[in-house]
Protein backbone atom coordinates (compact mmCIF):
# COMPACT_ATOMS: atom_id res chain seq x y z
CA MET A 1 52.91 -17.85 -60.26
CA LYS A 2 49.63 -19.34 -61.47
CA ARG A 3 51.50 -22.12 -63.33
CA LYS A 4 53.25 -23.15 -60.11
CA THR A 5 49.93 -23.24 -58.30
CA LEU A 6 48.49 -25.58 -60.93
CA LEU A 7 51.62 -27.69 -61.20
CA LEU A 8 51.90 -28.50 -57.50
CA PRO A 9 48.56 -30.37 -57.18
CA ALA A 10 49.29 -32.29 -60.38
CA LEU A 11 52.71 -33.28 -59.07
CA VAL A 12 51.27 -34.39 -55.73
CA PHE A 13 48.59 -36.45 -57.49
CA ALA A 14 51.14 -38.07 -59.81
CA THR A 15 53.31 -38.95 -56.84
CA PHE A 16 50.66 -40.45 -54.58
CA ALA A 17 48.10 -41.89 -57.02
CA PRO A 18 50.07 -45.12 -57.60
CA LEU A 19 50.33 -45.61 -53.84
CA SER A 20 46.58 -45.35 -53.35
CA MET A 21 45.94 -47.73 -56.26
CA ALA A 22 48.38 -50.22 -54.74
CA CYS A 23 46.22 -50.28 -51.63
CA SER A 24 43.14 -51.48 -53.51
CA LYS A 25 42.19 -55.07 -52.86
CA PRO A 26 42.95 -57.11 -56.00
CA ALA A 27 40.21 -59.20 -57.59
CA ALA A 28 40.73 -62.95 -57.70
CA PRO A 29 41.26 -64.29 -61.24
CA SER A 30 38.75 -66.54 -62.94
CA LEU A 31 40.07 -70.04 -63.49
CA PRO A 32 39.37 -72.34 -66.45
CA ASP A 33 37.42 -75.57 -66.32
CA PRO A 34 40.09 -78.30 -66.21
CA SER A 35 37.85 -80.77 -68.04
CA SER A 36 37.86 -78.63 -71.17
CA ALA A 37 40.81 -76.23 -70.80
CA VAL A 38 43.55 -76.07 -73.41
CA THR A 39 47.19 -75.27 -72.75
CA PRO A 40 47.01 -71.53 -73.56
CA GLN A 41 44.14 -71.16 -71.05
CA MET A 42 46.20 -72.90 -68.38
CA VAL A 43 49.21 -70.68 -69.09
CA LYS A 44 46.99 -67.59 -68.88
CA ALA A 45 45.52 -68.84 -65.60
CA LYS A 46 49.02 -69.38 -64.20
CA ASN A 47 50.02 -65.84 -65.17
CA ASP A 48 46.78 -64.41 -63.76
CA VAL A 49 47.22 -66.24 -60.45
CA LYS A 50 50.83 -65.06 -60.18
CA ALA A 51 49.79 -61.46 -60.89
CA PHE A 52 46.98 -61.73 -58.32
CA LEU A 53 49.36 -63.05 -55.66
CA ASP A 54 51.89 -60.30 -56.44
CA GLN A 55 49.19 -57.62 -56.17
CA ALA A 56 47.90 -59.21 -52.97
CA GLU A 57 51.40 -59.05 -51.44
CA VAL A 58 51.47 -55.31 -52.17
CA TYR A 59 47.98 -54.92 -50.67
CA LEU A 60 49.10 -56.71 -47.49
CA LYS A 61 51.78 -54.03 -46.97
CA CYS A 62 49.08 -51.32 -46.85
CA LYS A 63 47.67 -50.04 -43.59
CA ILE A 64 44.69 -52.36 -43.40
CA SER A 65 42.91 -53.89 -40.45
CA THR A 66 43.83 -57.28 -39.07
CA GLY A 67 40.53 -58.65 -40.39
CA GLN A 68 41.24 -57.35 -43.91
CA HIS A 69 44.77 -58.78 -43.73
CA ASN A 70 43.54 -62.20 -42.63
CA ALA A 71 40.78 -62.22 -45.27
CA MET A 72 43.32 -61.41 -48.00
CA VAL A 73 45.67 -64.16 -46.82
CA ASP A 74 42.75 -66.63 -46.79
CA GLU A 75 41.74 -65.58 -50.31
CA MET A 76 45.34 -65.93 -51.54
CA LYS A 77 45.50 -69.45 -50.12
CA SER A 78 42.13 -70.34 -51.61
CA VAL A 79 43.09 -69.09 -55.10
CA ALA A 80 46.40 -70.95 -54.95
CA ASP A 81 44.72 -74.17 -53.75
CA ASP A 82 42.03 -73.92 -56.44
CA PHE A 83 44.64 -73.35 -59.14
CA ASN A 84 46.75 -76.29 -57.95
CA THR A 85 43.68 -78.54 -57.99
CA ILE A 86 42.85 -77.42 -61.53
CA VAL A 87 46.44 -78.05 -62.66
CA ARG A 88 46.37 -81.58 -61.23
CA GLU A 89 43.03 -82.32 -62.94
CA TYR A 90 44.28 -80.85 -66.22
CA LYS A 91 47.50 -82.90 -66.11
CA ALA A 92 45.56 -86.08 -65.32
CA ARG A 93 43.25 -85.45 -68.28
CA MET A 94 46.20 -84.76 -70.60
CA ALA A 95 47.97 -87.95 -69.44
CA GLY A 96 44.97 -89.87 -70.64
């Protein structure tokens, strides 16, 4: 009987822990300096931005306030805009 008592809380934690972690606000990725970045840094930045946006989409599905929702959407847009600006500057530098 004691094993069942110990197993139940562990099972509940294992079931709901990923859900609570999914409702943590993701941190925005750091982006490279386009004037000195190399291709692997740009690829990493692209992957980091994509992961951030995916995590942010999950966060938006959580029960958060309207203010938190709007702030996350604004941050997503800002990160995407900053990344796109960096990509344009990087491509212009690479084109010579």
